[in-house]
Every structure is written in C-alpha cells, then in structure tokens.
Amino acid sequence: MTSSTDNDELKVNAKVVAKDDLPGVPAGTPGRVTLKNGFRWTRYRVEFDNGVGIGSLDRAQLVPRKEYEAQQQAAG
C-alpha cells in the first residue's frame, strides 16, 4: 500500500465515504473516522454505516462526505 502525499489529513470523527470497494464495504459507503494513527504514514480506522469497521486505511481510500456529495451532485 502506498502512502498518501496529501496534507489534507482527516480528524477523528470526520464523516467520510469509501472511495473504492473495500473488504465488506462497497464504494460510496459512508462512515466515520474513529482513530488516526501514524507518523510517516497516517492511517485511519473507520466504522462504516453498514456495520463494518476497517483499520489501516490510507487517506487516498477515503473521501470527506461533503466532498463526495458535491461530486455526486456535479455528476448529475
């Protein structure tokens, strides 16, 4: 897994959406960041609304919920 080079780190309790399909979590599933961990590679634990919790997620695998909703509206 490659580390994200973005400096837009997520905060604990941030509302997010899965960008891609993850084990047990289809792309587009909303969730909430419950843990932020790491120094060189920041990774996240997210509890998704479908009841699945996944740890060690890279920032590139998550989209802030507001950003995702704006993308969906723009796509029509």
N, C-alpha and C. Protein backbone atom coordinates (compact mmCIF):
# COMPACT_ATOMS: atom_id res chain seq x y z
N MET A 1 0.85 -1.17 0.00
CA MET A 1 0.00 0.00 0.00
C MET A 1 0.89 1.24 0.00
N THR A 2 0.60 2.16 -0.88
CA THR A 2 1.39 3.38 -0.94
C THR A 2 0.84 4.41 0.03
N SER A 3 1.71 5.23 0.53
CA SER A 3 1.26 6.25 1.47
C SER A 3 0.79 7.48 0.72
N SER A 4 -0.15 8.17 1.31
CA SER A 4 -0.69 9.37 0.70
C SER A 4 0.28 10.52 0.86
N THR A 5 0.40 11.34 -0.16
CA THR A 5 1.26 12.51 -0.07
C THR A 5 0.45 13.76 0.19
N ASP A 6 -0.86 13.62 0.31
CA ASP A 6 -1.71 14.78 0.58
C ASP A 6 -1.52 15.25 2.01
N ASN A 7 -1.61 16.57 2.21
CA ASN A 7 -1.54 17.12 3.55
C ASN A 7 -2.92 17.43 4.10
N ASP A 8 -3.95 16.86 3.52
CA ASP A 8 -5.30 17.09 3.99
C ASP A 8 -5.75 15.94 4.90
N GLU A 9 -5.08 15.83 6.03
CA GLU A 9 -5.39 14.76 6.96
C GLU A 9 -6.79 14.91 7.52
N LEU A 10 -7.38 13.77 7.82
CA LEU A 10 -8.72 13.74 8.40
C LEU A 10 -8.63 13.75 9.91
N LYS A 11 -9.62 14.30 10.55
CA LYS A 11 -9.67 14.32 12.01
C LYS A 11 -10.54 13.17 12.51
N VAL A 12 -10.33 12.77 13.75
CA VAL A 12 -11.18 11.78 14.38
C VAL A 12 -12.61 12.34 14.39
N ASN A 13 -13.56 11.48 14.11
CA ASN A 13 -14.99 11.79 13.99
C ASN A 13 -15.37 12.43 12.66
N ALA A 14 -14.40 12.57 11.75
CA ALA A 14 -14.72 13.10 10.42
C ALA A 14 -15.65 12.13 9.70
N LYS A 15 -16.63 12.68 9.00
CA LYS A 15 -17.54 11.88 8.19
C LYS A 15 -16.89 11.67 6.84
N VAL A 16 -16.78 10.40 6.43
CA VAL A 16 -16.09 10.05 5.19
C VAL A 16 -16.93 9.06 4.38
N VAL A 17 -16.46 8.81 3.16
CA VAL A 17 -17.07 7.82 2.27
C VAL A 17 -15.94 6.98 1.69
N ALA A 18 -16.19 5.68 1.54
CA ALA A 18 -15.20 4.80 0.91
C ALA A 18 -15.08 5.17 -0.56
N LYS A 19 -13.87 5.48 -1.00
CA LYS A 19 -13.63 5.89 -2.40
C LYS A 19 -13.72 4.68 -3.33
N ASP A 20 -13.20 3.56 -2.90
CA ASP A 20 -13.16 2.34 -3.69
C ASP A 20 -13.80 1.21 -2.89
N ASP A 21 -14.07 0.08 -3.55
CA ASP A 21 -14.55 -1.09 -2.83
C ASP A 21 -13.48 -1.56 -1.86
N LEU A 22 -13.90 -1.84 -0.63
CA LEU A 22 -13.02 -2.37 0.41
C LEU A 22 -13.64 -3.69 0.88
N PRO A 23 -12.89 -4.54 1.58
CA PRO A 23 -13.46 -5.80 2.05
C PRO A 23 -14.72 -5.57 2.91
N GLY A 24 -15.88 -5.97 2.39
CA GLY A 24 -17.14 -5.83 3.10
C GLY A 24 -17.76 -4.44 3.01
N VAL A 25 -17.12 -3.55 2.27
CA VAL A 25 -17.60 -2.16 2.17
C VAL A 25 -17.59 -1.73 0.70
N PRO A 26 -18.77 -1.59 0.10
CA PRO A 26 -18.80 -1.11 -1.29
C PRO A 26 -18.40 0.36 -1.39
N ALA A 27 -17.85 0.74 -2.52
CA ALA A 27 -17.51 2.15 -2.77
C ALA A 27 -18.77 2.99 -2.57
N GLY A 28 -18.60 4.16 -1.94
CA GLY A 28 -19.73 5.05 -1.69
C GLY A 28 -20.39 4.87 -0.34
N THR A 29 -19.92 3.90 0.44
CA THR A 29 -20.50 3.67 1.77
C THR A 29 -19.99 4.72 2.74
N PRO A 30 -20.90 5.43 3.43
CA PRO A 30 -20.46 6.42 4.41
C PRO A 30 -19.97 5.78 5.70
N GLY A 31 -19.16 6.54 6.42
CA GLY A 31 -18.65 6.08 7.71
C GLY A 31 -18.06 7.24 8.48
N ARG A 32 -17.44 6.90 9.63
CA ARG A 32 -16.85 7.92 10.50
C ARG A 32 -15.48 7.45 10.96
N VAL A 33 -14.51 8.37 10.91
CA VAL A 33 -13.15 8.07 11.37
C VAL A 33 -13.19 7.92 12.90
N THR A 34 -12.70 6.79 13.40
CA THR A 34 -12.69 6.56 14.85
C THR A 34 -11.28 6.58 15.43
N LEU A 35 -10.25 6.49 14.54
CA LEU A 35 -8.87 6.50 15.02
C LEU A 35 -7.96 7.02 13.91
N LYS A 36 -7.04 7.87 14.29
CA LYS A 36 -6.00 8.37 13.39
C LYS A 36 -4.67 7.96 14.00
N ASN A 37 -3.78 7.35 13.20
CA ASN A 37 -2.58 6.77 13.76
C ASN A 37 -1.42 6.93 12.78
N GLY A 38 -0.22 7.08 13.30
CA GLY A 38 0.96 7.05 12.46
C GLY A 38 1.72 8.37 12.42
N PHE A 39 2.99 8.28 12.06
CA PHE A 39 3.85 9.44 11.91
C PHE A 39 4.21 9.64 10.44
N ARG A 40 4.95 8.70 9.88
CA ARG A 40 5.36 8.81 8.47
C ARG A 40 4.20 8.48 7.53
N TRP A 41 3.36 7.54 7.92
CA TRP A 41 2.20 7.16 7.12
C TRP A 41 0.98 7.25 8.03
N THR A 42 0.17 8.25 7.81
CA THR A 42 -1.04 8.40 8.60
C THR A 42 -2.09 7.44 8.06
N ARG A 43 -2.65 6.65 8.95
CA ARG A 43 -3.68 5.70 8.58
C ARG A 43 -4.87 5.88 9.50
N TYR A 44 -5.99 5.37 9.06
CA TYR A 44 -7.26 5.63 9.75
C TYR A 44 -8.01 4.35 9.99
N ARG A 45 -8.78 4.33 11.09
CA ARG A 45 -9.77 3.28 11.32
C ARG A 45 -11.12 3.95 11.11
N VAL A 46 -11.96 3.30 10.32
CA VAL A 46 -13.27 3.85 10.01
C VAL A 46 -14.35 2.83 10.33
N GLU A 47 -15.38 3.26 11.00
CA GLU A 47 -16.57 2.46 11.23
C GLU A 47 -17.59 2.90 10.19
N PHE A 48 -17.91 1.98 9.27
CA PHE A 48 -18.82 2.30 8.18
C PHE A 48 -20.27 2.06 8.61
N ASP A 49 -21.18 2.74 7.93
CA ASP A 49 -22.60 2.67 8.27
C ASP A 49 -23.21 1.29 8.07
N ASN A 50 -22.54 0.42 7.30
CA ASN A 50 -23.06 -0.94 7.11
C ASN A 50 -22.61 -1.89 8.22
N GLY A 51 -21.96 -1.35 9.27
CA GLY A 51 -21.55 -2.16 10.42
C GLY A 51 -20.15 -2.72 10.35
N VAL A 52 -19.43 -2.48 9.26
CA VAL A 52 -18.07 -2.98 9.10
C VAL A 52 -17.08 -1.92 9.55
N GLY A 53 -16.08 -2.33 10.33
CA GLY A 53 -15.00 -1.44 10.75
C GLY A 53 -13.70 -1.92 10.13
N ILE A 54 -12.95 -0.98 9.55
CA ILE A 54 -11.68 -1.34 8.91
C ILE A 54 -10.59 -0.38 9.38
N GLY A 55 -9.43 -0.96 9.74
CA GLY A 55 -8.28 -0.17 10.15
C GLY A 55 -7.22 -0.12 9.07
N SER A 56 -6.19 0.68 9.30
CA SER A 56 -5.06 0.85 8.39
C SER A 56 -5.48 1.30 7.00
N LEU A 57 -6.45 2.21 6.94
CA LEU A 57 -6.87 2.78 5.66
C LEU A 57 -6.05 4.02 5.37
N ASP A 58 -5.59 4.12 4.14
CA ASP A 58 -4.84 5.28 3.69
C ASP A 58 -5.82 6.40 3.35
N ARG A 59 -5.36 7.62 3.44
CA ARG A 59 -6.20 8.78 3.12
C ARG A 59 -6.74 8.70 1.70
N ALA A 60 -5.97 8.14 0.78
CA ALA A 60 -6.38 8.03 -0.62
C ALA A 60 -7.59 7.12 -0.81
N GLN A 61 -7.91 6.30 0.19
CA GLN A 61 -9.06 5.40 0.11
C GLN A 61 -10.34 6.04 0.64
N LEU A 62 -10.23 7.25 1.16
CA LEU A 62 -11.37 7.91 1.81
C LEU A 62 -11.61 9.29 1.20
N VAL A 63 -12.87 9.67 1.14
CA VAL A 63 -13.26 10.99 0.66
C VAL A 63 -14.12 11.62 1.74
N PRO A 64 -13.86 12.89 2.10
CA PRO A 64 -14.77 13.56 3.04
C PRO A 64 -16.19 13.54 2.48
N ARG A 65 -17.17 13.30 3.35
CA ARG A 65 -18.55 13.11 2.91
C ARG A 65 -19.08 14.31 2.11
N LYS A 66 -18.80 15.52 2.55
CA LYS A 66 -19.28 16.71 1.84
C LYS A 66 -18.68 16.78 0.43
N GLU A 67 -17.40 16.44 0.32
CA GLU A 67 -16.74 16.45 -0.99
C GLU A 67 -17.37 15.39 -1.90
N TYR A 68 -17.66 14.22 -1.36
CA TYR A 68 -18.28 13.14 -2.13
C TYR A 68 -19.67 13.56 -2.62
N GLU A 69 -20.46 14.17 -1.72
CA GLU A 69 -21.80 14.60 -2.10
C GLU A 69 -21.75 15.67 -3.19
N ALA A 70 -20.78 16.59 -3.10
CA ALA A 70 -20.63 17.62 -4.13
C ALA A 70 -20.25 16.99 -5.47
N GLN A 71 -19.40 15.98 -5.45
CA GLN A 71 -19.02 15.28 -6.69
C GLN A 71 -20.22 14.58 -7.30
N GLN A 72 -21.06 13.99 -6.46
CA GLN A 72 -22.24 13.28 -6.95
C GLN A 72 -23.24 14.24 -7.57
N GLN A 73 -23.42 15.42 -6.96
CA GLN A 73 -24.33 16.41 -7.50
C GLN A 73 -23.81 16.97 -8.82
N ALA A 74 -22.51 17.19 -8.92
CA ALA A 74 -21.92 17.72 -10.14
C ALA A 74 -22.03 16.71 -11.29
N ALA A 75 -21.96 15.41 -10.94
CA ALA A 75 -22.05 14.36 -11.95
C ALA A 75 -23.48 14.21 -12.47
N GLY A 76 -24.44 14.70 -11.67
CA GLY A 76 -25.82 14.71 -12.11
C GLY A 76 -26.53 13.47 -11.82
